[in-house]
Amino acid sequence: MRLTSIGSAAALAAMLIAPASAGIIPYASRTAFDAQGTVTSIDWSVFGPFGTTISTPDFRTVGSVTVGVASSQGELSRHDEGTDFSGDFAPGDHLLTDAGSESDSFIISFGAPVRGFGAQVEPDYLTGDWSGTVTLYDASSTVIGTFAILGTRGTAEDNSAPFFGFISSVADISFATFVVDQSAISLPPAGAVAVNTMDVLGVVPESSSLSMAAAGLLGLAGMFLLRRRAITS
C-alpha cells in the first residue's frame, strides 16, 4: 500500500536503531521541526542550477550555516523536481542527488555543530517501497545515532516525499550520512538518494576551521568507499 501521509510514514520509519550519546528526537513533519526554533533553510540551488555536477567535497554558506556535501565517488548532482527529476517532491523543488554511481556514499556536514536538521528524502533511482538509514556523527566522527527511514517512491510530484528531521539535546551534530537499500538492483546499501531543501537548527559559534570539516568529509567518504568495495568484492 502506498504511504500517502508524510507524517504517518516518517513517524513509523524514523526509528533509532543504534545508541546515541545525546538525546535525539526524530521529526516526521517539516512544520513540527521548524517550530522547535529558528531554522536556516539550505536551498540546494546555492550549488548551481539543475544539471550541475558538483565536485566534492564542496561548501556553501547560507546565513550562519556553512554546509558541506561529499560523496565517495567525488561527485553529486543538482536536479529540479518536474524539470529533470520525476519523484514525489513538490514541482520546482531544488534537489541534491547522487551523480550516477549507485554504490555511492552521500554525506552532508556542517562547518560548526548544529542541534538538528531535516529534509524530505527519496531514493535517486529506485521506485516503489524503499528503506535506508540516516547516521549522525559528532565532530570526532563518533556515531551519535542511526535512524531507520523508509517510504514508497512514485512519480506523483505531489510533495508526498517523507520528511525526516532530527534534533539533539545539545548542538553536537557535525556530519550525517544517508543510505538507501539498493538490493532490488543487486547492489549493497548505497547513498543514491535525493533530498530537497534542508532546514538546519541551532548552529553554535564557529569552533573549528572549514579545512577540518573538509578533512572529516574526505575521511568519511573514503571510509564508506572502502566499505562498499569490501561488500561487493
Protein backbone atom coordinates (compact mmCIF):
# COMPACT_ATOMS: atom_id res chain seq x y z
CA MET A 1 0.00 0.00 0.00
CA ARG A 2 1.31 3.42 -0.95
CA LEU A 3 2.25 5.63 2.02
CA THR A 4 0.49 8.87 1.21
CA SER A 5 0.76 10.56 4.60
CA ILE A 6 4.12 12.22 5.15
CA GLY A 7 3.56 12.35 8.89
CA SER A 8 2.50 8.74 9.38
CA ALA A 9 5.11 7.31 7.02
CA ALA A 10 8.02 9.12 8.58
CA ALA A 11 6.77 8.59 12.13
CA LEU A 12 6.86 4.85 11.55
CA ALA A 13 10.15 4.99 9.69
CA ALA A 14 12.45 7.29 11.66
CA MET A 15 13.31 4.86 14.42
CA LEU A 16 16.53 4.82 16.41
CA ILE A 17 18.46 1.63 15.63
CA ALA A 18 21.79 2.44 17.32
CA PRO A 19 22.77 4.03 20.66
CA ALA A 20 23.03 7.82 20.85
CA SER A 21 25.31 9.80 23.16
CA ALA A 22 22.77 12.61 23.39
CA GLY A 23 19.01 12.58 23.33
CA ILE A 24 17.93 12.78 19.68
CA ILE A 25 14.29 13.19 18.70
CA PRO A 26 13.10 12.37 15.16
CA TYR A 27 10.51 14.59 13.45
CA ALA A 28 8.14 13.46 10.71
CA SER A 29 6.90 16.92 9.72
CA ARG A 30 8.77 19.99 8.48
CA THR A 31 6.21 22.20 10.20
CA ALA A 32 6.77 20.47 13.55
CA PHE A 33 10.54 20.55 13.10
CA ASP A 34 10.62 24.25 12.18
CA ALA A 35 8.51 25.07 15.26
CA GLN A 36 11.39 23.99 17.54
CA GLY A 37 13.45 27.12 16.94
CA THR A 38 14.96 29.44 14.37
CA VAL A 39 15.95 27.47 11.30
CA THR A 40 18.16 28.26 8.34
CA SER A 41 16.90 26.74 5.09
CA ILE A 42 19.56 25.41 2.73
CA ASP A 43 18.23 25.60 -0.83
CA TRP A 44 20.49 23.35 -2.88
CA SER A 45 20.39 25.79 -5.79
CA VAL A 46 23.30 27.52 -3.99
CA PHE A 47 25.43 24.75 -5.56
CA GLY A 48 24.23 25.62 -9.06
CA PRO A 49 21.22 25.25 -11.39
CA PHE A 50 19.67 21.91 -12.32
CA GLY A 51 22.07 19.78 -14.32
CA THR A 52 25.11 20.95 -12.36
CA THR A 53 27.61 18.25 -11.39
CA ILE A 54 29.16 19.11 -8.04
CA SER A 55 32.78 18.08 -7.50
CA THR A 56 33.03 17.15 -3.84
CA PRO A 57 33.76 17.99 -1.14
CA ASP A 58 32.23 21.40 -1.72
CA PHE A 59 30.89 24.01 0.68
CA ARG A 60 28.47 26.92 0.72
CA THR A 61 27.47 29.36 3.46
CA VAL A 62 23.82 30.37 3.89
CA GLY A 63 23.20 32.82 6.71
CA SER A 64 25.06 31.46 9.75
CA VAL A 65 25.32 27.93 8.38
CA THR A 66 28.21 26.51 6.37
CA VAL A 67 27.13 23.25 4.76
CA GLY A 68 29.40 20.77 3.05
CA VAL A 69 28.50 17.98 0.64
CA ALA A 70 30.60 14.97 -0.29
CA SER A 71 30.49 11.55 -1.89
CA SER A 72 32.92 8.66 -2.07
CA GLN A 73 32.90 8.93 -5.89
CA GLY A 74 33.69 12.66 -5.73
CA GLU A 75 30.51 13.90 -7.41
CA LEU A 76 26.94 14.84 -6.58
CA SER A 77 24.28 16.40 -8.83
CA ARG A 78 21.68 19.14 -8.82
CA HIS A 79 18.21 18.37 -10.16
CA ASP A 80 14.81 20.07 -10.04
CA GLU A 81 11.58 18.17 -9.48
CA GLY A 82 9.48 18.35 -12.64
CA THR A 83 12.38 19.51 -14.83
CA ASP A 84 15.00 16.76 -14.82
CA PHE A 85 13.72 14.65 -11.91
CA SER A 86 10.40 12.86 -11.51
CA GLY A 87 9.55 11.78 -7.99
CA ASP A 88 7.30 12.77 -5.12
CA PHE A 89 8.79 16.13 -4.21
CA ALA A 90 6.87 19.33 -4.93
CA PRO A 91 7.23 20.63 -8.50
CA GLY A 92 10.14 23.04 -8.67
CA ASP A 93 11.92 21.71 -5.58
CA HIS A 94 15.69 22.10 -5.87
CA LEU A 95 17.26 18.72 -5.13
CA LEU A 96 20.68 17.41 -4.18
CA THR A 97 21.21 13.91 -5.57
CA ASP A 98 23.70 11.19 -6.37
CA ALA A 99 25.65 11.79 -9.58
CA GLY A 100 25.25 8.44 -11.27
CA SER A 101 27.07 5.96 -9.04
CA GLU A 102 24.50 3.66 -7.48
CA SER A 103 27.02 2.48 -4.86
CA ASP A 104 27.99 5.98 -3.76
CA SER A 105 28.15 7.37 -0.24
CA PHE A 106 26.19 10.57 0.41
CA ILE A 107 27.44 12.84 3.19
CA ILE A 108 26.34 16.26 4.45
CA SER A 109 28.39 18.16 7.03
CA PHE A 110 28.20 21.43 8.92
CA GLY A 111 31.04 23.90 9.42
CA ALA A 112 30.07 24.08 13.09
CA PRO A 113 27.96 21.58 15.07
CA VAL A 114 24.19 22.04 14.91
CA ARG A 115 21.28 20.87 17.06
CA GLY A 116 19.33 19.44 14.20
CA PHE A 117 18.46 19.23 10.51
CA GLY A 118 15.67 17.87 8.36
CA ALA A 119 14.65 17.40 4.73
CA GLN A 120 12.37 15.31 2.56
CA VAL A 121 14.18 12.23 1.26
CA GLU A 122 13.70 9.74 -1.57
CA PRO A 123 15.89 7.27 -3.47
CA ASP A 124 17.51 8.74 -6.57
CA TYR A 125 16.94 5.62 -8.70
CA LEU A 126 14.51 3.21 -7.08
CA THR A 127 10.73 3.39 -7.32
CA GLY A 128 8.32 1.52 -5.08
CA ASP A 129 8.96 0.63 -1.45
CA TRP A 130 12.37 1.58 -0.07
CA SER A 131 14.23 1.65 3.21
CA GLY A 132 17.50 3.06 4.46
CA THR A 133 19.30 4.82 7.29
CA VAL A 134 20.48 8.25 8.36
CA THR A 135 23.53 8.19 10.64
CA LEU A 136 24.55 11.21 12.71
CA TYR A 137 28.15 11.92 13.78
CA ASP A 138 29.76 14.38 16.16
CA ALA A 139 32.91 16.40 15.44
CA SER A 140 35.15 13.43 16.30
CA SER A 141 33.29 11.23 13.75
CA THR A 142 31.70 9.24 16.58
CA VAL A 143 28.22 7.91 15.79
CA ILE A 144 25.61 9.61 17.98
CA GLY A 145 22.58 7.99 16.38
CA THR A 146 21.49 5.84 13.46
CA PHE A 147 17.86 6.01 12.34
CA ALA A 148 15.92 3.74 10.02
CA ILE A 149 13.96 5.51 7.28
CA LEU A 150 11.52 4.16 4.71
CA GLY A 151 8.84 5.16 2.26
CA THR A 152 7.34 4.46 -1.13
CA ARG A 153 8.60 6.42 -4.13
CA GLY A 154 6.43 7.11 -7.13
CA THR A 155 6.30 9.93 -9.69
CA ALA A 156 3.32 11.89 -8.36
CA GLU A 157 5.19 15.19 -7.84
CA ASP A 158 2.72 15.93 -5.04
CA ASN A 159 5.04 16.82 -2.11
CA SER A 160 4.46 13.39 -0.53
CA ALA A 161 8.17 12.52 -0.19
CA PRO A 162 8.60 11.80 3.53
CA PHE A 163 10.29 14.32 5.80
CA PHE A 164 12.96 13.16 8.22
CA GLY A 165 14.23 15.58 10.84
CA PHE A 166 16.48 15.03 13.85
CA ILE A 167 17.07 17.29 16.86
CA SER A 168 19.70 16.59 19.50
CA SER A 169 19.54 17.75 23.12
CA VAL A 170 22.83 19.56 22.51
CA ALA A 171 24.45 21.10 19.44
CA ASP A 172 26.69 18.15 18.55
CA ILE A 173 25.69 17.08 15.02
CA SER A 174 28.61 17.65 12.64
CA PHE A 175 28.07 15.08 9.86
CA ALA A 176 25.29 12.89 8.51
CA THR A 177 25.34 10.01 6.05
CA PHE A 178 22.34 8.90 4.00
CA VAL A 179 21.97 5.30 2.79
CA VAL A 180 19.17 3.53 0.91
CA ASP A 181 18.65 -0.16 0.21
CA GLN A 182 19.63 -0.92 -3.38
CA SER A 183 19.06 -4.69 -3.13
CA ALA A 184 16.46 -4.51 -5.91
CA ILE A 185 19.26 -3.79 -8.37
CA SER A 186 21.80 -6.20 -6.83
CA LEU A 187 23.95 -3.58 -5.15
CA PRO A 188 24.84 -3.08 -1.47
CA PRO A 189 23.18 -0.30 0.54
CA ALA A 190 24.24 2.96 -1.07
CA GLY A 191 23.91 6.71 -0.83
CA ALA A 192 21.94 7.11 -4.04
CA VAL A 193 19.37 9.44 -2.52
CA ALA A 194 17.74 12.75 -3.32
CA VAL A 195 16.96 15.42 -0.72
CA ASN A 196 15.14 18.73 -1.02
CA THR A 197 15.58 21.94 1.00
CA MET A 198 17.34 21.18 4.27
CA ASP A 199 16.28 23.10 7.37
CA VAL A 200 19.06 23.48 9.97
CA LEU A 201 18.50 24.32 13.64
CA GLY A 202 20.80 25.70 16.29
CA VAL A 203 24.23 26.46 14.90
CA VAL A 204 26.84 27.01 17.61
CA PRO A 205 29.61 29.64 17.21
CA GLU A 206 32.27 28.53 14.72
CA SER A 207 34.76 26.50 16.75
CA SER A 208 36.58 24.55 14.04
CA SER A 209 38.02 25.53 10.70
CA LEU A 210 36.48 24.72 7.34
CA SER A 211 39.60 22.74 6.50
CA MET A 212 38.90 20.44 9.45
CA ALA A 213 35.37 19.91 8.20
CA ALA A 214 36.71 19.14 4.73
CA ALA A 215 39.13 16.61 6.18
CA GLY A 216 36.28 14.97 8.04
CA LEU A 217 34.18 14.77 4.90
CA LEU A 218 37.01 13.23 2.90
CA GLY A 219 37.72 10.73 5.67
CA LEU A 220 34.09 9.63 5.88
CA ALA A 221 33.78 9.38 2.11
CA GLY A 222 36.89 7.23 1.93
CA MET A 223 35.67 5.01 4.75
CA PHE A 224 32.35 4.37 3.02
CA LEU A 225 34.00 3.75 -0.35
CA LEU A 226 36.23 1.09 1.19
CA ARG A 227 33.22 -0.48 2.89
CA ARG A 228 31.28 -0.59 -0.39
CA ARG A 229 34.23 -2.21 -2.20
CA ALA A 230 34.61 -4.79 0.58
CA ILE A 231 30.92 -5.72 0.30
CA THR A 232 31.00 -6.06 -3.48
CA SER A 233 34.32 -7.92 -3.72
